[in-house]
């Protein structure tokens, strides 16, 4: 794929970001998470939700603690 460089104004960028948000909101309404994410991600999400419900979480104060 060829590499290209584009330049857009701040106003144009705001429009692109608004369009992105509109599409995201629309897709969230009509699409199940099961269709958007891979099984491995969904399993991790379920595990994380279960940990939160069981209060098995700890506060992260620095990023290094988060990635351990």
C-alpha atoms as a PDB file:
ATOM      1  CA  UNK A   1       0.000   0.000   0.000  1.00  0.00           C
ATOM      2  CA  UNK A   2       1.305   3.423  -0.903  1.00  0.00           C
ATOM      3  CA  UNK A   3       2.000   5.914   1.838  1.00  0.00           C
ATOM      4  CA  UNK A   4       0.318   9.302   1.548  1.00  0.00           C
ATOM      5  CA  UNK A   5       0.381  12.504   3.551  1.00  0.00           C
ATOM      6  CA  UNK A   6      -2.684  14.656   3.991  1.00  0.00           C
ATOM      7  CA  UNK A   7      -3.240  18.061   5.511  1.00  0.00           C
ATOM      8  CA  UNK A   8      -6.579  19.164   6.868  1.00  0.00           C
ATOM      9  CA  UNK A   9      -7.661  22.162   8.852  1.00  0.00           C
ATOM     10  CA  UNK A  10      -8.653  21.992  12.496  1.00  0.00           C
ATOM     11  CA  UNK A  11     -12.265  22.573  11.460  1.00  0.00           C
ATOM     12  CA  UNK A  12     -12.119  19.672   8.986  1.00  0.00           C
ATOM     13  CA  UNK A  13     -10.585  17.438  11.666  1.00  0.00           C
ATOM     14  CA  UNK A  14     -13.443  18.307  14.029  1.00  0.00           C
ATOM     15  CA  UNK A  15     -15.894  17.274  11.304  1.00  0.00           C
ATOM     16  CA  UNK A  16     -14.109  13.962  10.771  1.00  0.00           C
ATOM     17  CA  UNK A  17     -14.141  13.276  14.511  1.00  0.00           C
ATOM     18  CA  UNK A  18     -17.858  14.084  14.717  1.00  0.00           C
ATOM     19  CA  UNK A  19     -18.548  11.736  11.796  1.00  0.00           C
ATOM     20  CA  UNK A  20     -16.519   9.004  13.495  1.00  0.00           C
ATOM     21  CA  UNK A  21     -18.496   9.453  16.725  1.00  0.00           C
ATOM     22  CA  UNK A  22     -21.781   9.326  14.812  1.00  0.00           C
ATOM     23  CA  UNK A  23     -20.778   6.082  13.091  1.00  0.00           C
ATOM     24  CA  UNK A  24     -19.578   4.564  16.344  1.00  0.00           C
ATOM     25  CA  UNK A  25     -22.836   5.397  18.120  1.00  0.00           C
ATOM     26  CA  UNK A  26     -24.856   3.969  15.231  1.00  0.00           C
ATOM     27  CA  UNK A  27     -22.859   0.737  15.068  1.00  0.00           C
ATOM     28  CA  UNK A  28     -23.117   0.248  18.834  1.00  0.00           C
ATOM     29  CA  UNK A  29     -26.905   0.389  18.536  1.00  0.00           C
ATOM     30  CA  UNK A  30     -27.208  -2.180  15.752  1.00  0.00           C
ATOM     31  CA  UNK A  31     -24.243  -4.496  16.332  1.00  0.00           C
ATOM     32  CA  UNK A  32     -23.652  -6.998  19.110  1.00  0.00           C
ATOM     33  CA  UNK A  33     -20.238  -6.946  20.820  1.00  0.00           C
ATOM     34  CA  UNK A  34     -19.968 -10.614  19.823  1.00  0.00           C
ATOM     35  CA  UNK A  35     -19.814  -9.506  16.180  1.00  0.00           C
ATOM     36  CA  UNK A  36     -17.252  -6.767  16.813  1.00  0.00           C
ATOM     37  CA  UNK A  37     -14.680  -8.471  19.033  1.00  0.00           C
ATOM     38  CA  UNK A  38     -12.722 -11.697  18.905  1.00  0.00           C
ATOM     39  CA  UNK A  39     -13.563 -14.489  21.351  1.00  0.00           C
ATOM     40  CA  UNK A  40     -10.318 -13.982  23.301  1.00  0.00           C
ATOM     41  CA  UNK A  41     -11.152 -10.317  23.963  1.00  0.00           C
ATOM     42  CA  UNK A  42     -14.720 -11.142  25.026  1.00  0.00           C
ATOM     43  CA  UNK A  43     -13.462 -13.808  27.449  1.00  0.00           C
ATOM     44  CA  UNK A  44     -11.019 -11.299  28.972  1.00  0.00           C
ATOM     45  CA  UNK A  45     -13.831  -8.784  29.280  1.00  0.00           C
ATOM     46  CA  UNK A  46     -16.045 -11.316  31.076  1.00  0.00           C
ATOM     47  CA  UNK A  47     -13.183 -12.195  33.453  1.00  0.00           C
ATOM     48  CA  UNK A  48     -12.574  -8.515  34.203  1.00  0.00           C
ATOM     49  CA  UNK A  49     -16.268  -7.909  34.873  1.00  0.00           C
ATOM     50  CA  UNK A  50     -16.345 -10.896  37.241  1.00  0.00           C
ATOM     51  CA  UNK A  51     -13.293  -9.562  39.121  1.00  0.00           C
ATOM     52  CA  UNK A  52     -14.945  -6.163  39.521  1.00  0.00           C
ATOM     53  CA  UNK A  53     -18.147  -7.759  40.821  1.00  0.00           C
ATOM     54  CA  UNK A  54     -16.152  -9.799  43.353  1.00  0.00           C
ATOM     55  CA  UNK A  55     -14.087  -6.734  44.356  1.00  0.00           C
ATOM     56  CA  UNK A  56     -10.919  -8.510  43.242  1.00  0.00           C
ATOM     57  CA  UNK A  57      -9.324  -5.353  41.942  1.00  0.00           C
ATOM     58  CA  UNK A  58      -6.524  -3.171  43.216  1.00  0.00           C
ATOM     59  CA  UNK A  59      -5.789   0.484  42.674  1.00  0.00           C
ATOM     60  CA  UNK A  60      -3.060   1.200  40.134  1.00  0.00           C
ATOM     61  CA  UNK A  61      -0.887   4.163  41.052  1.00  0.00           C
ATOM     62  CA  UNK A  62       1.810   3.856  38.405  1.00  0.00           C
ATOM     63  CA  UNK A  63       1.728   2.378  34.905  1.00  0.00           C
ATOM     64  CA  UNK A  64       4.413  -0.213  35.711  1.00  0.00           C
ATOM     65  CA  UNK A  65       2.032  -1.784  38.242  1.00  0.00           C
ATOM     66  CA  UNK A  66      -0.670  -1.992  35.583  1.00  0.00           C
ATOM     67  CA  UNK A  67       1.395  -3.957  33.075  1.00  0.00           C
ATOM     68  CA  UNK A  68       2.582  -6.581  35.559  1.00  0.00           C
END
